[in-house]
């Protein structure tokens, strides 16, 4: 039982704590940004080294290390984006009345540097761990990348909960590219596909004759994907997801909204 329980608990803790820590760091005063960015960059370098060092380490310890390092790589791009260092050339609200392709193009301009960074990091993770016998780091990054892309598309197409509170004040203009509606047509397909893959991973982890390393690796992957599915449900269900990370949001100053984005509302569509 511990072969499953410990990785599950570790995944839960990493998911909860890393999200809260990132929210806290990116809500601090602007003078701290360079220090935070420097610290996470050092962690990025260490994480890539760790992925390379464990690429052929088929042990439970190797699984824990690869998973943790991949999460640290992912944390770098989260912090770089939320601090405003790696976003896109467009840093203003959506044009009034923009819809369809025009709105999508403007939204892409706000994120394009971030999307390029995700691709470059994916290449780095693949080179460090993708071709080794312990490829958990690569699969962890791929799960995070895929599910984040799905979440972005769902928020753009429209969901009930947009989690605007998670955006630091200097990125509040991004909420003008979101649409609030009960659900969109992509959501059920994205959640169903991810749930099916997660179920297959859980089943493989529980199969007879599976080595301890494989059980740990599959449990990490299945647990992370299951949490990503849960985050998707947070987008459409009337649940206060922010309560899970209230401590991380405590560094935000609600009175420090930039003048040029404060009056811009979230787009609404449907009931």
C-alpha atoms as a PDB file:
ATOM      1  CA  UNK A   1       0.000   0.000   0.000  1.00  0.00           C
ATOM      2  CA  UNK A   2       2.836   2.422   0.801  1.00  0.00           C
ATOM      3  CA  UNK A   3       4.113   1.997  -2.770  1.00  0.00           C
ATOM      4  CA  UNK A   4       0.979   3.892  -3.857  1.00  0.00           C
ATOM      5  CA  UNK A   5       0.194   6.019  -0.824  1.00  0.00           C
ATOM      6  CA  UNK A   6       3.528   7.773  -0.423  1.00  0.00           C
ATOM      7  CA  UNK A   7       3.788   8.943  -4.067  1.00  0.00           C
ATOM      8  CA  UNK A   8       0.159  10.069  -3.949  1.00  0.00           C
ATOM      9  CA  UNK A   9       0.745  12.094  -0.778  1.00  0.00           C
ATOM     10  CA  UNK A  10       3.971  13.519  -2.189  1.00  0.00           C
ATOM     11  CA  UNK A  11       2.206  14.545  -5.412  1.00  0.00           C
ATOM     12  CA  UNK A  12      -0.609  16.184  -3.465  1.00  0.00           C
ATOM     13  CA  UNK A  13       1.835  18.122  -1.301  1.00  0.00           C
ATOM     14  CA  UNK A  14       3.990  19.261  -4.239  1.00  0.00           C
ATOM     15  CA  UNK A  15       0.892  20.367  -6.184  1.00  0.00           C
ATOM     16  CA  UNK A  16      -0.554  22.300  -3.257  1.00  0.00           C
ATOM     17  CA  UNK A  17       2.657  23.793  -1.866  1.00  0.00           C
ATOM     18  CA  UNK A  18       4.310  24.735  -5.174  1.00  0.00           C
ATOM     19  CA  UNK A  19       1.156  26.486  -6.392  1.00  0.00           C
ATOM     20  CA  UNK A  20       0.855  28.459  -3.154  1.00  0.00           C
ATOM     21  CA  UNK A  21       4.557  29.343  -3.093  1.00  0.00           C
ATOM     22  CA  UNK A  22       4.440  30.621  -6.680  1.00  0.00           C
ATOM     23  CA  UNK A  23       1.350  32.707  -5.949  1.00  0.00           C
ATOM     24  CA  UNK A  24       3.028  34.164  -2.870  1.00  0.00           C
ATOM     25  CA  UNK A  25       6.288  35.044  -4.650  1.00  0.00           C
ATOM     26  CA  UNK A  26       4.562  36.645  -7.611  1.00  0.00           C
ATOM     27  CA  UNK A  27       2.363  38.767  -5.353  1.00  0.00           C
ATOM     28  CA  UNK A  28       5.240  40.387  -3.491  1.00  0.00           C
ATOM     29  CA  UNK A  29       6.377  43.990  -4.183  1.00  0.00           C
ATOM     30  CA  UNK A  30       8.042  44.567  -7.541  1.00  0.00           C
ATOM     31  CA  UNK A  31      11.504  45.149  -6.055  1.00  0.00           C
ATOM     32  CA  UNK A  32      11.612  41.457  -5.066  1.00  0.00           C
ATOM     33  CA  UNK A  33      11.014  40.189  -8.614  1.00  0.00           C
ATOM     34  CA  UNK A  34      14.661  40.092  -9.695  1.00  0.00           C
ATOM     35  CA  UNK A  35      15.621  38.130  -6.596  1.00  0.00           C
ATOM     36  CA  UNK A  36      12.795  35.655  -7.077  1.00  0.00           C
ATOM     37  CA  UNK A  37      13.661  35.241 -10.751  1.00  0.00           C
ATOM     38  CA  UNK A  38      17.305  34.697  -9.915  1.00  0.00           C
ATOM     39  CA  UNK A  39      16.475  32.074  -7.310  1.00  0.00           C
ATOM     40  CA  UNK A  40      14.153  30.084  -9.567  1.00  0.00           C
ATOM     41  CA  UNK A  41      16.700  30.246 -12.389  1.00  0.00           C
ATOM     42  CA  UNK A  42      19.281  28.613 -10.135  1.00  0.00           C
ATOM     43  CA  UNK A  43      16.667  25.975  -9.277  1.00  0.00           C
ATOM     44  CA  UNK A  44      16.018  25.479 -12.997  1.00  0.00           C
ATOM     45  CA  UNK A  45      19.696  24.769 -13.635  1.00  0.00           C
ATOM     46  CA  UNK A  46      19.823  22.348 -10.712  1.00  0.00           C
ATOM     47  CA  UNK A  47      16.620  20.654 -11.882  1.00  0.00           C
ATOM     48  CA  UNK A  48      17.924  20.083 -15.420  1.00  0.00           C
ATOM     49  CA  UNK A  49      21.097  18.633 -13.950  1.00  0.00           C
ATOM     50  CA  UNK A  50      18.984  16.379 -11.730  1.00  0.00           C
ATOM     51  CA  UNK A  51      16.963  15.160 -14.717  1.00  0.00           C
ATOM     52  CA  UNK A  52      20.144  14.308 -16.577  1.00  0.00           C
ATOM     53  CA  UNK A  53      21.651  12.577 -13.541  1.00  0.00           C
ATOM     54  CA  UNK A  54      18.592  10.359 -13.029  1.00  0.00           C
ATOM     55  CA  UNK A  55      17.748   9.598 -16.663  1.00  0.00           C
ATOM     56  CA  UNK A  56      18.825   5.964 -16.208  1.00  0.00           C
ATOM     57  CA  UNK A  57      18.158   5.613 -12.475  1.00  0.00           C
ATOM     58  CA  UNK A  58      15.381   2.997 -12.335  1.00  0.00           C
ATOM     59  CA  UNK A  59      14.798   3.184  -8.603  1.00  0.00           C
ATOM     60  CA  UNK A  60      12.084   4.642  -6.409  1.00  0.00           C
ATOM     61  CA  UNK A  61      14.484   7.400  -5.389  1.00  0.00           C
ATOM     62  CA  UNK A  62      15.139   8.085  -9.061  1.00  0.00           C
ATOM     63  CA  UNK A  63      11.391   8.447  -9.666  1.00  0.00           C
ATOM     64  CA  UNK A  64      11.030  10.922  -6.799  1.00  0.00           C
ATOM     65  CA  UNK A  65      13.992  12.947  -8.026  1.00  0.00           C
ATOM     66  CA  UNK A  66      12.886  13.022 -11.673  1.00  0.00           C
ATOM     67  CA  UNK A  67       9.352  14.032 -10.744  1.00  0.00           C
ATOM     68  CA  UNK A  68      10.548  16.789  -8.402  1.00  0.00           C
ATOM     69  CA  UNK A  69      13.036  18.149 -10.936  1.00  0.00           C
ATOM     70  CA  UNK A  70      10.405  18.301 -13.681  1.00  0.00           C
ATOM     71  CA  UNK A  71       8.083  20.224 -11.368  1.00  0.00           C
ATOM     72  CA  UNK A  72      10.911  22.683 -10.631  1.00  0.00           C
ATOM     73  CA  UNK A  73      11.467  23.192 -14.361  1.00  0.00           C
ATOM     74  CA  UNK A  74       7.764  23.889 -14.735  1.00  0.00           C
ATOM     75  CA  UNK A  75       7.849  26.262 -11.762  1.00  0.00           C
ATOM     76  CA  UNK A  76      10.474  28.392 -13.537  1.00  0.00           C
ATOM     77  CA  UNK A  77       8.169  29.207 -16.433  1.00  0.00           C
ATOM     78  CA  UNK A  78       5.234  29.824 -14.075  1.00  0.00           C
ATOM     79  CA  UNK A  79       7.249  32.341 -12.076  1.00  0.00           C
ATOM     80  CA  UNK A  80       8.755  33.931 -15.205  1.00  0.00           C
ATOM     81  CA  UNK A  81       5.267  34.425 -16.626  1.00  0.00           C
ATOM     82  CA  UNK A  82       3.548  35.660 -13.479  1.00  0.00           C
ATOM     83  CA  UNK A  83       6.373  38.087 -12.730  1.00  0.00           C
ATOM     84  CA  UNK A  84       5.904  39.495 -16.220  1.00  0.00           C
ATOM     85  CA  UNK A  85       9.382  38.641 -17.550  1.00  0.00           C
ATOM     86  CA  UNK A  86       8.253  36.072 -20.137  1.00  0.00           C
ATOM     87  CA  UNK A  87       4.810  36.928 -21.489  1.00  0.00           C
ATOM     88  CA  UNK A  88       4.410  38.514 -24.917  1.00  0.00           C
ATOM     89  CA  UNK A  89       4.809  41.783 -26.845  1.00  0.00           C
ATOM     90  CA  UNK A  90       1.203  42.837 -26.154  1.00  0.00           C
ATOM     91  CA  UNK A  91       0.766  44.007 -22.578  1.00  0.00           C
ATOM     92  CA  UNK A  92      -2.534  45.841 -22.713  1.00  0.00           C
ATOM     93  CA  UNK A  93      -6.205  44.924 -22.494  1.00  0.00           C
ATOM     94  CA  UNK A  94      -8.086  43.462 -25.436  1.00  0.00           C
ATOM     95  CA  UNK A  95      -9.452  45.976 -27.911  1.00  0.00           C
ATOM     96  CA  UNK A  96     -13.076  46.916 -27.227  1.00  0.00           C
ATOM     97  CA  UNK A  97     -15.388  44.809 -29.349  1.00  0.00           C
ATOM     98  CA  UNK A  98     -12.681  42.326 -30.396  1.00  0.00           C
ATOM     99  CA  UNK A  99     -14.147  38.901 -31.115  1.00  0.00           C
ATOM    100  CA  UNK A 100     -13.288  35.645 -32.840  1.00  0.00           C
ATOM    101  CA  UNK A 101     -10.025  35.571 -34.761  1.00  0.00           C
ATOM    102  CA  UNK A 102      -9.086  39.138 -33.853  1.00  0.00           C
ATOM    103  CA  UNK A 103      -9.420  38.424 -30.138  1.00  0.00           C
ATOM    104  CA  UNK A 104      -7.529  35.132 -30.517  1.00  0.00           C
ATOM    105  CA  UNK A 105      -4.663  36.904 -32.308  1.00  0.00           C
ATOM    106  CA  UNK A 106      -4.448  39.570 -29.631  1.00  0.00           C
ATOM    107  CA  UNK A 107      -4.538  36.901 -26.913  1.00  0.00           C
ATOM    108  CA  UNK A 108      -1.710  35.008 -28.612  1.00  0.00           C
ATOM    109  CA  UNK A 109       0.357  38.175 -28.684  1.00  0.00           C
ATOM    110  CA  UNK A 110       0.074  38.429 -24.897  1.00  0.00           C
ATOM    111  CA  UNK A 111       1.474  34.880 -24.470  1.00  0.00           C
ATOM    112  CA  UNK A 112       3.731  34.135 -27.433  1.00  0.00           C
ATOM    113  CA  UNK A 113       7.046  34.535 -25.599  1.00  0.00           C
ATOM    114  CA  UNK A 114       5.700  32.314 -22.842  1.00  0.00           C
ATOM    115  CA  UNK A 115       4.665  29.663 -25.379  1.00  0.00           C
ATOM    116  CA  UNK A 116       8.108  29.747 -26.993  1.00  0.00           C
ATOM    117  CA  UNK A 117       9.697  29.336 -23.558  1.00  0.00           C
ATOM    118  CA  UNK A 118       7.518  26.268 -22.957  1.00  0.00           C
ATOM    119  CA  UNK A 119       8.765  24.717 -26.199  1.00  0.00           C
ATOM    120  CA  UNK A 120      12.406  25.474 -25.386  1.00  0.00           C
ATOM    121  CA  UNK A 121      12.010  24.004 -21.909  1.00  0.00           C
ATOM    122  CA  UNK A 122      10.362  20.928 -23.410  1.00  0.00           C
ATOM    123  CA  UNK A 123      13.388  20.435 -25.661  1.00  0.00           C
ATOM    124  CA  UNK A 124      15.714  20.839 -22.679  1.00  0.00           C
ATOM    125  CA  UNK A 125      13.762  18.313 -20.585  1.00  0.00           C
ATOM    126  CA  UNK A 126      13.677  15.867 -23.498  1.00  0.00           C
ATOM    127  CA  UNK A 127      17.432  16.130 -24.006  1.00  0.00           C
ATOM    128  CA  UNK A 128      18.049  15.633 -20.283  1.00  0.00           C
ATOM    129  CA  UNK A 129      15.588  12.818 -19.611  1.00  0.00           C
ATOM    130  CA  UNK A 130      13.408  11.938 -22.586  1.00  0.00           C
ATOM    131  CA  UNK A 131      15.544   9.168 -24.028  1.00  0.00           C
ATOM    132  CA  UNK A 132      16.670   7.558 -20.761  1.00  0.00           C
ATOM    133  CA  UNK A 133      15.186   4.505 -19.111  1.00  0.00           C
ATOM    134  CA  UNK A 134      13.806   6.824 -16.414  1.00  0.00           C
ATOM    135  CA  UNK A 135      11.735   9.190 -18.554  1.00  0.00           C
ATOM    136  CA  UNK A 136       9.391  10.232 -15.749  1.00  0.00           C
ATOM    137  CA  UNK A 137      10.731  13.800 -15.839  1.00  0.00           C
ATOM    138  CA  UNK A 138       9.759  14.087 -19.490  1.00  0.00           C
ATOM    139  CA  UNK A 139       6.299  12.600 -18.944  1.00  0.00           C
ATOM    140  CA  UNK A 140       5.730  14.876 -15.949  1.00  0.00           C
ATOM    141  CA  UNK A 141       6.570  17.952 -18.016  1.00  0.00           C
ATOM    142  CA  UNK A 142       4.428  16.698 -20.905  1.00  0.00           C
ATOM    143  CA  UNK A 143       1.404  16.217 -18.617  1.00  0.00           C
ATOM    144  CA  UNK A 144       1.814  19.702 -17.157  1.00  0.00           C
ATOM    145  CA  UNK A 145       2.286  21.249 -20.614  1.00  0.00           C
ATOM    146  CA  UNK A 146      -0.683  19.497 -22.199  1.00  0.00           C
ATOM    147  CA  UNK A 147      -3.097  20.167 -19.359  1.00  0.00           C
ATOM    148  CA  UNK A 148      -2.036  23.802 -19.051  1.00  0.00           C
ATOM    149  CA  UNK A 149      -2.661  24.279 -22.787  1.00  0.00           C
ATOM    150  CA  UNK A 150      -6.103  22.755 -22.304  1.00  0.00           C
ATOM    151  CA  UNK A 151      -6.828  25.062 -19.356  1.00  0.00           C
ATOM    152  CA  UNK A 152      -5.771  28.130 -21.363  1.00  0.00           C
ATOM    153  CA  UNK A 153      -8.057  27.193 -24.244  1.00  0.00           C
ATOM    154  CA  UNK A 154     -10.965  26.541 -21.902  1.00  0.00           C
ATOM    155  CA  UNK A 155     -10.523  29.887 -20.164  1.00  0.00           C
ATOM    156  CA  UNK A 156     -10.377  31.642 -23.543  1.00  0.00           C
ATOM    157  CA  UNK A 157     -13.485  29.825 -24.813  1.00  0.00           C
ATOM    158  CA  UNK A 158     -15.383  30.400 -21.579  1.00  0.00           C
ATOM    159  CA  UNK A 159     -15.800  28.816 -18.148  1.00  0.00           C
ATOM    160  CA  UNK A 160     -17.617  29.725 -14.945  1.00  0.00           C
ATOM    161  CA  UNK A 161     -14.567  30.334 -12.728  1.00  0.00           C
ATOM    162  CA  UNK A 162     -11.732  32.333 -14.283  1.00  0.00           C
ATOM    163  CA  UNK A 163      -9.587  32.541 -11.128  1.00  0.00           C
ATOM    164  CA  UNK A 164      -8.805  36.192 -11.745  1.00  0.00           C
ATOM    165  CA  UNK A 165      -7.452  36.446  -8.201  1.00  0.00           C
ATOM    166  CA  UNK A 166      -4.518  34.263  -9.238  1.00  0.00           C
ATOM    167  CA  UNK A 167      -3.262  36.988 -11.593  1.00  0.00           C
ATOM    168  CA  UNK A 168      -0.864  39.483  -9.999  1.00  0.00           C
ATOM    169  CA  UNK A 169      -1.853  43.116 -10.418  1.00  0.00           C
ATOM    170  CA  UNK A 170       0.572  43.812 -13.269  1.00  0.00           C
ATOM    171  CA  UNK A 171      -1.084  41.073 -15.364  1.00  0.00           C
ATOM    172  CA  UNK A 172      -4.707  42.016 -14.707  1.00  0.00           C
ATOM    173  CA  UNK A 173      -5.071  43.068 -18.344  1.00  0.00           C
ATOM    174  CA  UNK A 174      -5.099  39.362 -19.245  1.00  0.00           C
ATOM    175  CA  UNK A 175      -8.554  38.939 -17.757  1.00  0.00           C
ATOM    176  CA  UNK A 176      -9.970  40.960 -20.660  1.00  0.00           C
ATOM    177  CA  UNK A 177      -9.158  37.977 -22.903  1.00  0.00           C
ATOM    178  CA  UNK A 178     -11.158  35.562 -20.729  1.00  0.00           C
ATOM    179  CA  UNK A 179     -14.814  34.715 -21.262  1.00  0.00           C
ATOM    180  CA  UNK A 180     -17.191  33.800 -18.479  1.00  0.00           C
ATOM    181  CA  UNK A 181     -19.864  31.253 -19.365  1.00  0.00           C
ATOM    182  CA  UNK A 182     -21.066  28.041 -17.693  1.00  0.00           C
ATOM    183  CA  UNK A 183     -19.015  25.793 -20.015  1.00  0.00           C
ATOM    184  CA  UNK A 184     -17.701  25.504 -23.566  1.00  0.00           C
ATOM    185  CA  UNK A 185     -17.758  22.668 -26.095  1.00  0.00           C
ATOM    186  CA  UNK A 186     -14.070  21.787 -25.620  1.00  0.00           C
ATOM    187  CA  UNK A 187     -14.357  21.169 -21.889  1.00  0.00           C
ATOM    188  CA  UNK A 188     -16.149  17.768 -21.832  1.00  0.00           C
ATOM    189  CA  UNK A 189     -13.845  16.335 -24.496  1.00  0.00           C
ATOM    190  CA  UNK A 190     -10.673  17.567 -22.745  1.00  0.00           C
ATOM    191  CA  UNK A 191     -11.762  16.262 -19.342  1.00  0.00           C
ATOM    192  CA  UNK A 192     -12.960  12.924 -20.731  1.00  0.00           C
ATOM    193  CA  UNK A 193      -9.710  12.303 -22.608  1.00  0.00           C
ATOM    194  CA  UNK A 194      -7.543  13.217 -19.619  1.00  0.00           C
ATOM    195  CA  UNK A 195      -9.658  11.097 -17.278  1.00  0.00           C
ATOM    196  CA  UNK A 196      -9.347   8.092 -19.590  1.00  0.00           C
ATOM    197  CA  UNK A 197      -5.555   8.421 -19.711  1.00  0.00           C
ATOM    198  CA  UNK A 198      -5.378   8.844 -15.932  1.00  0.00           C
ATOM    199  CA  UNK A 199      -7.487   5.708 -15.437  1.00  0.00           C
ATOM    200  CA  UNK A 200      -5.171   3.758 -17.740  1.00  0.00           C
ATOM    201  CA  UNK A 201      -2.131   4.947 -15.769  1.00  0.00           C
ATOM    202  CA  UNK A 202      -3.719   3.975 -12.446  1.00  0.00           C
ATOM    203  CA  UNK A 203      -4.565   0.547 -13.844  1.00  0.00           C
ATOM    204  CA  UNK A 204      -1.016   0.057 -15.101  1.00  0.00           C
ATOM    205  CA  UNK A 205       0.403   1.056 -11.722  1.00  0.00           C
ATOM    206  CA  UNK A 206      -1.783  -1.534  -9.999  1.00  0.00           C
ATOM    207  CA  UNK A 207      -0.988  -4.359 -12.437  1.00  0.00           C
ATOM    208  CA  UNK A 208       0.587  -7.542 -11.073  1.00  0.00           C
ATOM    209  CA  UNK A 209       4.329  -7.906 -11.416  1.00  0.00           C
ATOM    210  CA  UNK A 210       5.028  -4.178 -11.711  1.00  0.00           C
ATOM    211  CA  UNK A 211       8.405  -3.153 -10.302  1.00  0.00           C
ATOM    212  CA  UNK A 212       8.639  -0.695  -7.424  1.00  0.00           C
ATOM    213  CA  UNK A 213      10.152   1.930  -9.722  1.00  0.00           C
ATOM    214  CA  UNK A 214       7.381   1.555 -12.300  1.00  0.00           C
ATOM    215  CA  UNK A 215       4.687   1.682  -9.614  1.00  0.00           C
ATOM    216  CA  UNK A 216       6.141   4.938  -8.258  1.00  0.00           C
ATOM    217  CA  UNK A 217       6.594   6.480 -11.717  1.00  0.00           C
ATOM    218  CA  UNK A 218       3.100   5.567 -12.907  1.00  0.00           C
ATOM    219  CA  UNK A 219       1.559   6.732  -9.633  1.00  0.00           C
ATOM    220  CA  UNK A 220       3.288  10.100  -9.933  1.00  0.00           C
ATOM    221  CA  UNK A 221       2.061  10.493 -13.514  1.00  0.00           C
ATOM    222  CA  UNK A 222      -1.470   9.289 -12.731  1.00  0.00           C
ATOM    223  CA  UNK A 223      -1.729  11.440  -9.611  1.00  0.00           C
ATOM    224  CA  UNK A 224      -0.522  14.567 -11.393  1.00  0.00           C
ATOM    225  CA  UNK A 225      -2.911  14.025 -14.301  1.00  0.00           C
ATOM    226  CA  UNK A 226      -5.795  13.389 -11.898  1.00  0.00           C
ATOM    227  CA  UNK A 227      -5.049  16.670 -10.124  1.00  0.00           C
ATOM    228  CA  UNK A 228      -4.977  18.449 -13.486  1.00  0.00           C
ATOM    229  CA  UNK A 229      -8.430  17.015 -14.217  1.00  0.00           C
ATOM    230  CA  UNK A 230      -9.569  18.269 -10.809  1.00  0.00           C
ATOM    231  CA  UNK A 231      -8.256  21.741 -11.667  1.00  0.00           C
ATOM    232  CA  UNK A 232     -10.318  21.618 -14.858  1.00  0.00           C
ATOM    233  CA  UNK A 233     -13.436  20.850 -12.822  1.00  0.00           C
ATOM    234  CA  UNK A 234     -12.600  23.814 -10.605  1.00  0.00           C
ATOM    235  CA  UNK A 235     -13.121  25.943 -13.725  1.00  0.00           C
ATOM    236  CA  UNK A 236     -16.798  25.030 -14.091  1.00  0.00           C
ATOM    237  CA  UNK A 237     -18.073  23.967 -10.668  1.00  0.00           C
ATOM    238  CA  UNK A 238     -19.247  26.506  -8.066  1.00  0.00           C
ATOM    239  CA  UNK A 239     -16.351  25.755  -5.738  1.00  0.00           C
ATOM    240  CA  UNK A 240     -14.026  28.324  -4.082  1.00  0.00           C
ATOM    241  CA  UNK A 241     -10.731  26.886  -5.355  1.00  0.00           C
ATOM    242  CA  UNK A 242      -8.910  29.992  -4.105  1.00  0.00           C
ATOM    243  CA  UNK A 243      -9.493  28.781  -0.547  1.00  0.00           C
ATOM    244  CA  UNK A 244      -6.877  26.058  -1.070  1.00  0.00           C
ATOM    245  CA  UNK A 245      -4.193  28.679  -1.626  1.00  0.00           C
ATOM    246  CA  UNK A 246      -5.442  31.590   0.454  1.00  0.00           C
ATOM    247  CA  UNK A 247      -2.073  31.650   2.188  1.00  0.00           C
ATOM    248  CA  UNK A 248      -0.333  32.073  -1.171  1.00  0.00           C
ATOM    249  CA  UNK A 249      -2.619  34.947  -2.126  1.00  0.00           C
ATOM    250  CA  UNK A 250      -1.917  36.756   1.136  1.00  0.00           C
ATOM    251  CA  UNK A 251       0.982  38.665  -0.465  1.00  0.00           C
ATOM    252  CA  UNK A 252      -1.331  40.364  -2.980  1.00  0.00           C
ATOM    253  CA  UNK A 253      -2.224  44.030  -2.537  1.00  0.00           C
ATOM    254  CA  UNK A 254      -5.812  44.425  -3.802  1.00  0.00           C
ATOM    255  CA  UNK A 255      -5.453  48.208  -3.849  1.00  0.00           C
ATOM    256  CA  UNK A 256      -2.472  48.228  -6.216  1.00  0.00           C
ATOM    257  CA  UNK A 257      -4.289  47.712  -9.526  1.00  0.00           C
ATOM    258  CA  UNK A 258      -2.689  49.419 -12.542  1.00  0.00           C
ATOM    259  CA  UNK A 259      -4.744  52.386 -13.648  1.00  0.00           C
ATOM    260  CA  UNK A 260      -5.000  51.250 -17.283  1.00  0.00           C
ATOM    261  CA  UNK A 261      -6.560  47.861 -16.532  1.00  0.00           C
ATOM    262  CA  UNK A 262      -8.560  48.399 -13.367  1.00  0.00           C
ATOM    263  CA  UNK A 263     -11.794  49.453 -15.124  1.00  0.00           C
ATOM    264  CA  UNK A 264     -11.723  46.653 -17.747  1.00  0.00           C
ATOM    265  CA  UNK A 265     -14.268  43.895 -17.015  1.00  0.00           C
ATOM    266  CA  UNK A 266     -14.144  40.189 -17.793  1.00  0.00           C
ATOM    267  CA  UNK A 267     -16.103  39.276 -20.927  1.00  0.00           C
ATOM    268  CA  UNK A 268     -19.395  37.502 -20.387  1.00  0.00           C
ATOM    269  CA  UNK A 269     -21.214  35.240 -22.775  1.00  0.00           C
ATOM    270  CA  UNK A 270     -24.375  33.277 -22.214  1.00  0.00           C
ATOM    271  CA  UNK A 271     -26.295  33.009 -18.918  1.00  0.00           C
END
